[in-house]
Amino acid sequence: MSATRADAPPGPDELLARLIAAIDPVEARVGVQTWGEATTDPAIRDIVVDMTDRMRAMLHDCLTAWLVKVEHHEP
């Protein structure tokens, strides 16, 4: 049985398009400022590293689900 479009996880191109569409320019400026502050403040750096790790894990999970369900790869 093949996956229907409705229950298929988003592919890499759709996932990237969703992430880009969700960017708020004001929030992006704060993110850039925080990223810059992380270069000199260890506490901020720890927060940024944690957030980056969580985002990376989320992307990994989403793309793994897509590869398994749509592309029929092993996890």
C-alpha atoms as a PDB file:
ATOM      1  CA  MET A   1       0.000   0.000   0.000  1.00  0.00           C
ATOM      2  CA  SER A   2       1.509   3.349  -1.017  1.00  0.00           C
ATOM      3  CA  ALA A   3       1.418   6.462   1.125  1.00  0.00           C
ATOM      4  CA  THR A   4      -1.090   9.085   0.123  1.00  0.00           C
ATOM      5  CA  ARG A   5      -0.083  12.716  -0.125  1.00  0.00           C
ATOM      6  CA  ALA A   6      -2.117  13.509   3.010  1.00  0.00           C
ATOM      7  CA  ASP A   7      -0.264  11.092   5.286  1.00  0.00           C
ATOM      8  CA  ALA A   8       3.197  11.444   3.737  1.00  0.00           C
ATOM      9  CA  PRO A   9       5.705  13.474   5.750  1.00  0.00           C
ATOM     10  CA  PRO A  10       7.009  16.576   3.977  1.00  0.00           C
ATOM     11  CA  GLY A  11      10.035  16.039   1.756  1.00  0.00           C
ATOM     12  CA  PRO A  12      13.244  18.069   2.024  1.00  0.00           C
ATOM     13  CA  ASP A  13      12.088  20.759  -0.431  1.00  0.00           C
ATOM     14  CA  GLU A  14       8.706  21.184   1.256  1.00  0.00           C
ATOM     15  CA  LEU A  15      10.258  21.153   4.719  1.00  0.00           C
ATOM     16  CA  LEU A  16      12.726  23.873   3.705  1.00  0.00           C
ATOM     17  CA  ALA A  17       9.924  25.924   2.106  1.00  0.00           C
ATOM     18  CA  ARG A  18       7.883  25.666   5.326  1.00  0.00           C
ATOM     19  CA  LEU A  19      10.840  26.741   7.461  1.00  0.00           C
ATOM     20  CA  ILE A  20      11.589  29.711   5.205  1.00  0.00           C
ATOM     21  CA  ALA A  21       7.934  30.773   5.089  1.00  0.00           C
ATOM     22  CA  ALA A  22       7.809  30.750   8.888  1.00  0.00           C
ATOM     23  CA  ILE A  23      10.709  33.191   9.284  1.00  0.00           C
ATOM     24  CA  ASP A  24       9.654  36.471  10.870  1.00  0.00           C
ATOM     25  CA  PRO A  25      12.192  39.188   9.921  1.00  0.00           C
ATOM     26  CA  VAL A  26      11.968  40.806  13.373  1.00  0.00           C
ATOM     27  CA  GLU A  27      12.577  37.502  15.144  1.00  0.00           C
ATOM     28  CA  ALA A  28      15.378  36.714  12.690  1.00  0.00           C
ATOM     29  CA  ARG A  29      17.182  39.914  13.716  1.00  0.00           C
ATOM     30  CA  VAL A  30      16.981  38.868  17.351  1.00  0.00           C
ATOM     31  CA  GLY A  31      18.324  35.465  16.379  1.00  0.00           C
ATOM     32  CA  VAL A  32      21.293  37.010  14.585  1.00  0.00           C
ATOM     33  CA  GLN A  33      22.016  39.249  17.578  1.00  0.00           C
ATOM     34  CA  THR A  34      21.806  36.263  19.911  1.00  0.00           C
ATOM     35  CA  TRP A  35      24.102  34.262  17.639  1.00  0.00           C
ATOM     36  CA  GLY A  36      26.632  37.123  17.760  1.00  0.00           C
ATOM     37  CA  GLU A  37      26.384  37.354  21.541  1.00  0.00           C
ATOM     38  CA  ALA A  38      27.036  33.615  21.764  1.00  0.00           C
ATOM     39  CA  THR A  39      30.568  34.192  20.482  1.00  0.00           C
ATOM     40  CA  THR A  40      31.516  36.054  23.672  1.00  0.00           C
ATOM     41  CA  ASP A  41      29.094  34.855  26.371  1.00  0.00           C
ATOM     42  CA  PRO A  42      29.371  31.175  27.394  1.00  0.00           C
ATOM     43  CA  ALA A  43      25.856  31.125  28.912  1.00  0.00           C
ATOM     44  CA  ILE A  44      24.304  32.406  25.671  1.00  0.00           C
ATOM     45  CA  ARG A  45      26.505  30.034  23.673  1.00  0.00           C
ATOM     46  CA  ASP A  46      25.140  27.086  25.675  1.00  0.00           C
ATOM     47  CA  ILE A  47      21.574  28.183  24.898  1.00  0.00           C
ATOM     48  CA  VAL A  48      22.322  28.630  21.191  1.00  0.00           C
ATOM     49  CA  VAL A  49      24.096  25.266  20.980  1.00  0.00           C
ATOM     50  CA  ASP A  50      21.163  23.564  22.721  1.00  0.00           C
ATOM     51  CA  MET A  51      18.633  25.196  20.382  1.00  0.00           C
ATOM     52  CA  THR A  52      20.731  24.298  17.340  1.00  0.00           C
ATOM     53  CA  ASP A  53      21.024  20.694  18.513  1.00  0.00           C
ATOM     54  CA  ARG A  54      17.249  20.469  19.028  1.00  0.00           C
ATOM     55  CA  MET A  55      16.590  21.948  15.563  1.00  0.00           C
ATOM     56  CA  ARG A  56      19.067  19.528  14.000  1.00  0.00           C
ATOM     57  CA  ALA A  57      17.376  16.597  15.772  1.00  0.00           C
ATOM     58  CA  MET A  58      13.936  17.743  14.610  1.00  0.00           C
ATOM     59  CA  LEU A  59      15.134  18.017  10.997  1.00  0.00           C
ATOM     60  CA  HIS A  60      16.764  14.595  11.295  1.00  0.00           C
ATOM     61  CA  ASP A  61      13.524  13.063  12.576  1.00  0.00           C
ATOM     62  CA  CYS A  62      11.437  14.715   9.850  1.00  0.00           C
ATOM     63  CA  LEU A  63      13.763  13.680   7.043  1.00  0.00           C
ATOM     64  CA  THR A  64      14.153  10.162   8.420  1.00  0.00           C
ATOM     65  CA  ALA A  65      10.349   9.794   8.492  1.00  0.00           C
ATOM     66  CA  TRP A  66      10.174  10.993   4.884  1.00  0.00           C
ATOM     67  CA  LEU A  67      12.964   8.667   3.725  1.00  0.00           C
ATOM     68  CA  VAL A  68      11.344   5.674   5.419  1.00  0.00           C
ATOM     69  CA  LYS A  69       7.719   6.332   4.475  1.00  0.00           C
ATOM     70  CA  VAL A  70       8.033   7.921   1.026  1.00  0.00           C
ATOM     71  CA  GLU A  71      11.387   6.720  -0.297  1.00  0.00           C
ATOM     72  CA  HIS A  72      11.154   3.303   1.421  1.00  0.00           C
ATOM     73  CA  HIS A  73      14.644   3.391   2.959  1.00  0.00           C
ATOM     74  CA  GLU A  74      15.608   1.685   6.181  1.00  0.00           C
ATOM     75  CA  PRO A  75      15.672   4.034   9.231  1.00  0.00           C
END
